C-alpha atoms as a PDB file:
ATOM      1  CA  MET A   1      84.434 168.899 107.596  1.00  0.00           C
ATOM      2  CA  LYS A   2      85.308 165.519 106.423  1.00  0.00           C
ATOM      3  CA  ASP A   3      84.830 164.709 102.901  1.00  0.00           C
ATOM      4  CA  LYS A   4      82.471 161.524 102.106  1.00  0.00           C
ATOM      5  CA  ASN A   5      83.557 160.972  98.787  1.00  0.00           C
ATOM      6  CA  SER A   6      87.336 161.466  99.611  1.00  0.00           C
ATOM      7  CA  PRO A   7      90.079 158.472  99.644  1.00  0.00           C
ATOM      8  CA  PRO A   8      90.917 156.865 102.883  1.00  0.00           C
ATOM      9  CA  LEU A   9      94.541 157.752 104.267  1.00  0.00           C
ATOM     10  CA  ILE A  10      95.063 154.299 106.014  1.00  0.00           C
ATOM     11  CA  MET A  11      93.236 151.151 104.466  1.00  0.00           C
ATOM     12  CA  ILE A  12      93.489 147.618 105.427  1.00  0.00           C
ATOM     13  CA  HIS A  13      91.744 144.819 104.249  1.00  0.00           C
ATOM     14  CA  ASP A  14      91.028 140.958 105.482  1.00  0.00           C
ATOM     15  CA  VAL A  15      93.822 141.210 108.237  1.00  0.00           C
ATOM     16  CA  ASP A  16      94.579 138.191 110.279  1.00  0.00           C
ATOM     17  CA  TYR A  17      96.872 138.036 113.144  1.00  0.00           C
ATOM     18  CA  VAL A  18      97.386 134.902 115.270  1.00  0.00           C
ATOM     19  CA  TYR A  19      99.892 134.532 118.138  1.00  0.00           C
ATOM     20  CA  SER A  20     102.606 131.829 118.464  1.00  0.00           C
ATOM     21  CA  ASN A  21     100.326 129.749 121.107  1.00  0.00           C
ATOM     22  CA  GLY A  22      97.662 129.656 118.267  1.00  0.00           C
ATOM     23  CA  THR A  23      95.562 132.206 119.778  1.00  0.00           C
ATOM     24  CA  ILE A  24      93.613 134.370 117.124  1.00  0.00           C
ATOM     25  CA  ALA A  25      93.641 138.024 117.652  1.00  0.00           C
ATOM     26  CA  LEU A  26      92.215 139.148 114.512  1.00  0.00           C
ATOM     27  CA  ARG A  27      90.154 137.536 111.454  1.00  0.00           C
ATOM     28  CA  GLN A  28      89.540 139.301 108.458  1.00  0.00           C
ATOM     29  CA  VAL A  29      89.296 142.675 109.629  1.00  0.00           C
ATOM     30  CA  SER A  30      89.165 145.748 107.190  1.00  0.00           C
ATOM     31  CA  LEU A  31      89.134 149.256 108.260  1.00  0.00           C
ATOM     32  CA  ASN A  32      89.193 152.454 106.042  1.00  0.00           C
ATOM     33  CA  ILE A  33      90.282 155.691 107.675  1.00  0.00           C
ATOM     34  CA  LYS A  34      89.951 159.065 106.159  1.00  0.00           C
ATOM     35  CA  LYS A  35      91.162 162.427 106.663  1.00  0.00           C
ATOM     36  CA  GLY A  36      89.700 163.963 110.212  1.00  0.00           C
ATOM     37  CA  GLU A  37      88.459 160.482 111.368  1.00  0.00           C
ATOM     38  CA  PHE A  38      89.275 159.604 114.845  1.00  0.00           C
ATOM     39  CA  ILE A  39      89.312 155.844 116.113  1.00  0.00           C
ATOM     40  CA  ALA A  40      89.573 154.019 119.123  1.00  0.00           C
ATOM     41  CA  ILE A  41      90.834 150.276 119.574  1.00  0.00           C
ATOM     42  CA  MET A  42      89.425 149.090 122.953  1.00  0.00           C
ATOM     43  CA  GLY A  43      89.160 146.097 124.628  1.00  0.00           C
ATOM     44  CA  GLN A  44      90.054 144.326 128.151  1.00  0.00           C
ATOM     45  CA  ASN A  45      93.314 144.498 129.682  1.00  0.00           C
ATOM     46  CA  GLY A  46      95.727 142.074 128.276  1.00  0.00           C
ATOM     47  CA  ALA A  47      93.583 141.681 125.327  1.00  0.00           C
ATOM     48  CA  GLY A  48      96.633 142.513 122.650  1.00  0.00           C
ATOM     49  CA  LYS A  49      95.368 146.095 121.627  1.00  0.00           C
ATOM     50  CA  THR A  50      99.124 146.836 121.846  1.00  0.00           C
ATOM     51  CA  THR A  51      99.880 144.075 119.329  1.00  0.00           C
END
């Protein structure tokens, strides 16, 4: 059972990523992941999910 009041194990805040050719991959992404939560990164083929 997840404790809604527990602090996140992983926390990112306002992350940006731009490829060397100027393509913006991420803009001001924030994410909190708590113990026991599952996440999925989804997008089109070649969209940069692995990056």
